Amino acid sequence: MINIKLDEVDKQILDILIDNARTPYTDIAKTLIISPGTVHVRVKKMEDAGVIKGSSLVLNYDKLGYPFIAHVGIFVNNTRDINRVLKEINEIPFVTVASIVSGSFNIFCKVRAIDSKHARELIFQIENVEGVYRSETMITLEECINDKKRLMHTILKDL
C-alpha cells in the first residue's frame, strides 16, 4: 500500500471533485490558480496511491422507476458459507449493498425494487440461496440522509 501525504492543493482538488467528479481539470486549475497539468499530475498521483478510486454517477432511482427500498438481514446456516452466499447474492442486480455484519444477522443487504411485489420476489430469491436459512426485512419509508459527500468533506478537513 502506497502511503501518500496530501498537501493543501491536493485537499482543495479533492474538495472540488467531491462536489462534482466531472469538473474539468481546467476549471479546477482556474479556481485554484494553478496549471491544468498540475491538476492532472496530482489527480494521477492520488489515483495511483489509491486515494481516488474512479468517479461515480449518482442516479435518481425514483425517476427511473425503482423507488422501493428494502433492507434484508440474512441468517446463514454456517459462517463458512458466507462468501459463497455473498457471491450468489452479488448475481442479483437489485441488491445494491451487501455487508458482513455482527449482531443478529450474518449479512445485511440493501435492495432496490419497483414496488412491494418486486421486492417480495427479490427477497424470495435471496432466501433461496443455498446456505440462507431465513431473513428479516425492513421497508424504508423514506430515505432521509444519503450523503457521502458530507463525510468526505469532513475527512478532508481532519487530514
C-alpha atoms as a PDB file:
ATOM      1  CA  MET A   1       0.000   0.000   0.000  1.00  0.00           C
ATOM      2  CA  ILE A   2       1.363   3.381  -1.002  1.00  0.00           C
ATOM      3  CA  ASN A   3       1.276   5.944   1.788  1.00  0.00           C
ATOM      4  CA  ILE A   4       0.662   9.454   0.494  1.00  0.00           C
ATOM      5  CA  LYS A   5       0.876  12.808   2.200  1.00  0.00           C
ATOM      6  CA  LEU A   6      -1.751  15.228   0.905  1.00  0.00           C
ATOM      7  CA  ASP A   7      -0.859  18.904   0.876  1.00  0.00           C
ATOM      8  CA  GLU A   8      -3.302  21.795   0.809  1.00  0.00           C
ATOM      9  CA  VAL A   9      -3.550  21.849  -3.009  1.00  0.00           C
ATOM     10  CA  ASP A  10      -4.336  18.108  -3.089  1.00  0.00           C
ATOM     11  CA  LYS A  11      -7.053  18.669  -0.488  1.00  0.00           C
ATOM     12  CA  GLN A  12      -8.508  21.591  -2.475  1.00  0.00           C
ATOM     13  CA  ILE A  13      -8.578  19.475  -5.641  1.00  0.00           C
ATOM     14  CA  LEU A  14     -10.326  16.663  -3.770  1.00  0.00           C
ATOM     15  CA  ASP A  15     -12.775  19.130  -2.234  1.00  0.00           C
ATOM     16  CA  ILE A  16     -13.834  20.281  -5.717  1.00  0.00           C
ATOM     17  CA  LEU A  17     -14.020  16.732  -7.099  1.00  0.00           C
ATOM     18  CA  ILE A  18     -16.142  15.567  -4.146  1.00  0.00           C
ATOM     19  CA  ASP A  19     -18.824  18.065  -5.135  1.00  0.00           C
ATOM     20  CA  ASN A  20     -18.612  17.176  -8.830  1.00  0.00           C
ATOM     21  CA  ALA A  21     -16.315  14.391 -10.005  1.00  0.00           C
ATOM     22  CA  ARG A  22     -16.813  15.576 -13.593  1.00  0.00           C
ATOM     23  CA  THR A  23     -15.335  19.040 -13.005  1.00  0.00           C
ATOM     24  CA  PRO A  24     -12.854  19.659 -15.835  1.00  0.00           C
ATOM     25  CA  TYR A  25      -9.225  19.977 -14.766  1.00  0.00           C
ATOM     26  CA  THR A  26      -9.110  23.379 -16.491  1.00  0.00           C
ATOM     27  CA  ASP A  27     -11.913  24.650 -14.220  1.00  0.00           C
ATOM     28  CA  ILE A  28     -10.149  23.290 -11.131  1.00  0.00           C
ATOM     29  CA  ALA A  29      -6.931  24.928 -12.284  1.00  0.00           C
ATOM     30  CA  LYS A  30      -8.654  28.311 -12.763  1.00  0.00           C
ATOM     31  CA  THR A  31     -10.285  28.087  -9.330  1.00  0.00           C
ATOM     32  CA  LEU A  32      -7.013  27.196  -7.576  1.00  0.00           C
ATOM     33  CA  ILE A  33      -4.821  29.406  -9.803  1.00  0.00           C
ATOM     34  CA  ILE A  34      -2.579  26.527 -10.891  1.00  0.00           C
ATOM     35  CA  SER A  35      -1.970  24.889 -14.263  1.00  0.00           C
ATOM     36  CA  PRO A  36      -4.246  22.165 -15.641  1.00  0.00           C
ATOM     37  CA  GLY A  37      -1.142  19.981 -15.906  1.00  0.00           C
ATOM     38  CA  THR A  38      -0.569  20.308 -12.170  1.00  0.00           C
ATOM     39  CA  VAL A  39      -4.147  19.224 -11.508  1.00  0.00           C
ATOM     40  CA  HIS A  40      -3.712  16.248 -13.840  1.00  0.00           C
ATOM     41  CA  VAL A  41      -0.424  15.160 -12.209  1.00  0.00           C
ATOM     42  CA  ARG A  42      -1.835  15.473  -8.686  1.00  0.00           C
ATOM     43  CA  VAL A  43      -5.042  13.593  -9.501  1.00  0.00           C
ATOM     44  CA  LYS A  44      -2.992  10.854 -11.169  1.00  0.00           C
ATOM     45  CA  LYS A  45      -0.746  10.681  -8.080  1.00  0.00           C
ATOM     46  CA  MET A  46      -3.807  10.303  -5.823  1.00  0.00           C
ATOM     47  CA  GLU A  47      -5.279   7.641  -8.152  1.00  0.00           C
ATOM     48  CA  ASP A  48      -2.012   5.686  -8.170  1.00  0.00           C
ATOM     49  CA  ALA A  49      -1.895   5.852  -4.376  1.00  0.00           C
ATOM     50  CA  GLY A  50      -5.480   4.579  -4.131  1.00  0.00           C
ATOM     51  CA  VAL A  51      -6.830   7.758  -2.517  1.00  0.00           C
ATOM     52  CA  ILE A  52      -9.099   8.293  -5.542  1.00  0.00           C
ATOM     53  CA  LYS A  53     -10.830   5.173  -6.810  1.00  0.00           C
ATOM     54  CA  GLY A  54     -12.583   6.241 -10.001  1.00  0.00           C
ATOM     55  CA  SER A  55     -15.550   8.564 -10.065  1.00  0.00           C
ATOM     56  CA  SER A  56     -19.212   7.804  -9.698  1.00  0.00           C
ATOM     57  CA  LEU A  57     -22.538   8.590 -11.205  1.00  0.00           C
ATOM     58  CA  VAL A  58     -25.497   9.308  -8.937  1.00  0.00           C
ATOM     59  CA  LEU A  59     -28.839   8.163 -10.298  1.00  0.00           C
ATOM     60  CA  ASN A  60     -32.284   9.223  -9.179  1.00  0.00           C
ATOM     61  CA  TYR A  61     -33.830   5.774  -8.714  1.00  0.00           C
ATOM     62  CA  ASP A  62     -37.281   7.231  -8.070  1.00  0.00           C
ATOM     63  CA  LYS A  63     -37.341   8.844 -11.517  1.00  0.00           C
ATOM     64  CA  LEU A  64     -36.108   5.599 -13.074  1.00  0.00           C
ATOM     65  CA  GLY A  65     -38.994   3.643 -11.560  1.00  0.00           C
ATOM     66  CA  TYR A  66     -37.196   1.994  -8.610  1.00  0.00           C
ATOM     67  CA  PRO A  67     -38.397   3.935  -5.565  1.00  0.00           C
ATOM     68  CA  PHE A  68     -38.836   0.943  -3.245  1.00  0.00           C
ATOM     69  CA  ILE A  69     -36.022   0.213  -0.775  1.00  0.00           C
ATOM     70  CA  ALA A  70     -35.858  -2.814   1.494  1.00  0.00           C
ATOM     71  CA  HIS A  71     -33.140  -3.775   3.956  1.00  0.00           C
ATOM     72  CA  VAL A  72     -32.737  -7.516   4.319  1.00  0.00           C
ATOM     73  CA  GLY A  73     -30.969  -9.137   7.257  1.00  0.00           C
ATOM     74  CA  ILE A  74     -29.792 -12.607   6.257  1.00  0.00           C
ATOM     75  CA  PHE A  75     -29.119 -15.546   8.542  1.00  0.00           C
ATOM     76  CA  VAL A  76     -26.641 -18.081   7.134  1.00  0.00           C
ATOM     77  CA  ASN A  77     -26.592 -21.746   8.222  1.00  0.00           C
ATOM     78  CA  ASN A  78     -22.834 -21.780   8.692  1.00  0.00           C
ATOM     79  CA  THR A  79     -20.450 -18.824   8.742  1.00  0.00           C
ATOM     80  CA  ARG A  80     -18.047 -20.653   6.428  1.00  0.00           C
ATOM     81  CA  ASP A  81     -20.778 -20.323   3.738  1.00  0.00           C
ATOM     82  CA  ILE A  82     -20.847 -16.510   3.906  1.00  0.00           C
ATOM     83  CA  ASN A  83     -18.513 -15.879   0.958  1.00  0.00           C
ATOM     84  CA  ARG A  84     -20.392 -18.328  -1.269  1.00  0.00           C
ATOM     85  CA  VAL A  85     -23.736 -16.805  -0.242  1.00  0.00           C
ATOM     86  CA  LEU A  86     -22.378 -13.316  -0.980  1.00  0.00           C
ATOM     87  CA  LYS A  87     -21.165 -14.477  -4.387  1.00  0.00           C
ATOM     88  CA  GLU A  88     -24.691 -15.670  -5.253  1.00  0.00           C
ATOM     89  CA  ILE A  89     -26.320 -12.539  -3.826  1.00  0.00           C
ATOM     90  CA  ASN A  90     -23.945 -10.487  -5.980  1.00  0.00           C
ATOM     91  CA  GLU A  91     -25.651 -12.047  -9.013  1.00  0.00           C
ATOM     92  CA  ILE A  92     -28.919 -10.309  -8.048  1.00  0.00           C
ATOM     93  CA  PRO A  93     -28.535  -6.851  -9.624  1.00  0.00           C
ATOM     94  CA  PHE A  94     -31.176  -5.242  -7.411  1.00  0.00           C
ATOM     95  CA  VAL A  95     -29.065  -5.875  -4.302  1.00  0.00           C
ATOM     96  CA  THR A  96     -27.111  -2.620  -4.234  1.00  0.00           C
ATOM     97  CA  VAL A  97     -25.230  -3.108  -0.951  1.00  0.00           C
ATOM     98  CA  ALA A  98     -24.294  -6.242   0.980  1.00  0.00           C
ATOM     99  CA  SER A  99     -22.243  -6.255   4.166  1.00  0.00           C
ATOM    100  CA  ILE A 100     -20.997  -8.937   6.514  1.00  0.00           C
ATOM    101  CA  VAL A 101     -22.174  -7.757   9.926  1.00  0.00           C
ATOM    102  CA  SER A 102     -22.013  -8.693  13.577  1.00  0.00           C
ATOM    103  CA  GLY A 103     -25.109  -8.983  15.710  1.00  0.00           C
ATOM    104  CA  SER A 104     -28.328 -10.735  14.821  1.00  0.00           C
ATOM    105  CA  PHE A 105     -27.633 -11.188  11.108  1.00  0.00           C
ATOM    106  CA  ASN A 106     -24.661 -12.546   9.188  1.00  0.00           C
ATOM    107  CA  ILE A 107     -25.265 -10.400   6.094  1.00  0.00           C
ATOM    108  CA  PHE A 108     -27.220  -7.184   5.707  1.00  0.00           C
ATOM    109  CA  CYS A 109     -28.381  -6.036   2.249  1.00  0.00           C
ATOM    110  CA  LYS A 110     -29.993  -3.013   0.663  1.00  0.00           C
ATOM    111  CA  VAL A 111     -32.379  -3.875  -2.161  1.00  0.00           C
ATOM    112  CA  ARG A 112     -33.903  -1.561  -4.781  1.00  0.00           C
ATOM    113  CA  ALA A 113     -37.221  -2.566  -6.311  1.00  0.00           C
ATOM    114  CA  ILE A 114     -40.074  -1.277  -8.423  1.00  0.00           C
ATOM    115  CA  ASP A 115     -42.711  -1.965  -5.753  1.00  0.00           C
ATOM    116  CA  SER A 116     -43.520  -4.297  -2.867  1.00  0.00           C
ATOM    117  CA  LYS A 117     -44.360  -7.194  -5.205  1.00  0.00           C
ATOM    118  CA  HIS A 118     -40.980  -6.897  -6.916  1.00  0.00           C
ATOM    119  CA  ALA A 119     -39.260  -6.622  -3.510  1.00  0.00           C
ATOM    120  CA  ARG A 120     -41.017  -9.795  -2.355  1.00  0.00           C
ATOM    121  CA  GLU A 121     -39.690 -11.648  -5.427  1.00  0.00           C
ATOM    122  CA  LEU A 122     -36.159 -10.419  -4.682  1.00  0.00           C
ATOM    123  CA  ILE A 123     -36.398 -11.404  -1.008  1.00  0.00           C
ATOM    124  CA  PHE A 124     -37.573 -14.896  -2.016  1.00  0.00           C
ATOM    125  CA  GLN A 125     -34.661 -15.072  -4.452  1.00  0.00           C
ATOM    126  CA  ILE A 126     -32.268 -14.202  -1.607  1.00  0.00           C
ATOM    127  CA  GLU A 127     -33.886 -16.749   0.705  1.00  0.00           C
ATOM    128  CA  ASN A 128     -33.497 -19.439  -1.986  1.00  0.00           C
ATOM    129  CA  VAL A 129     -29.709 -19.056  -1.990  1.00  0.00           C
ATOM    130  CA  GLU A 130     -28.206 -22.265  -0.644  1.00  0.00           C
ATOM    131  CA  GLY A 131     -26.974 -21.690   2.907  1.00  0.00           C
ATOM    132  CA  VAL A 132     -29.511 -18.979   3.756  1.00  0.00           C
ATOM    133  CA  TYR A 133     -31.962 -20.304   6.319  1.00  0.00           C
ATOM    134  CA  ARG A 134     -34.051 -17.173   6.888  1.00  0.00           C
ATOM    135  CA  SER A 135     -34.165 -13.423   6.538  1.00  0.00           C
ATOM    136  CA  GLU A 136     -35.806 -10.413   8.119  1.00  0.00           C
ATOM    137  CA  THR A 137     -36.846  -7.465   6.011  1.00  0.00           C
ATOM    138  CA  MET A 138     -37.338  -3.828   6.868  1.00  0.00           C
ATOM    139  CA  ILE A 139     -39.001  -1.473   4.417  1.00  0.00           C
ATOM    140  CA  THR A 140     -37.657   2.045   4.015  1.00  0.00           C
ATOM    141  CA  LEU A 141     -40.475   4.539   4.377  1.00  0.00           C
ATOM    142  CA  GLU A 142     -38.277   7.480   3.432  1.00  0.00           C
ATOM    143  CA  GLU A 143     -34.532   7.756   2.908  1.00  0.00           C
ATOM    144  CA  CYS A 144     -33.698  10.945   4.773  1.00  0.00           C
ATOM    145  CA  ILE A 145     -29.886  11.043   4.750  1.00  0.00           C
ATOM    146  CA  ASN A 146     -27.804   9.571   1.960  1.00  0.00           C
ATOM    147  CA  ASP A 147     -24.890  11.946   1.604  1.00  0.00           C
ATOM    148  CA  LYS A 148     -21.375  10.547   1.342  1.00  0.00           C
ATOM    149  CA  LYS A 149     -20.130  14.000   0.347  1.00  0.00           C
ATOM    150  CA  ARG A 150     -20.549  15.348   3.903  1.00  0.00           C
ATOM    151  CA  LEU A 151     -18.346  12.553   5.249  1.00  0.00           C
ATOM    152  CA  MET A 152     -15.722  13.070   2.547  1.00  0.00           C
ATOM    153  CA  HIS A 153     -15.552  16.826   3.223  1.00  0.00           C
ATOM    154  CA  THR A 154     -15.259  16.151   6.981  1.00  0.00           C
ATOM    155  CA  ILE A 155     -12.449  13.640   6.489  1.00  0.00           C
ATOM    156  CA  LEU A 156     -10.577  16.126   4.293  1.00  0.00           C
ATOM    157  CA  LYS A 157     -10.829  18.798   6.991  1.00  0.00           C
ATOM    158  CA  ASP A 158      -9.425  16.355   9.561  1.00  0.00           C
ATOM    159  CA  LEU A 159      -6.367  15.444   7.434  1.00  0.00           C
END
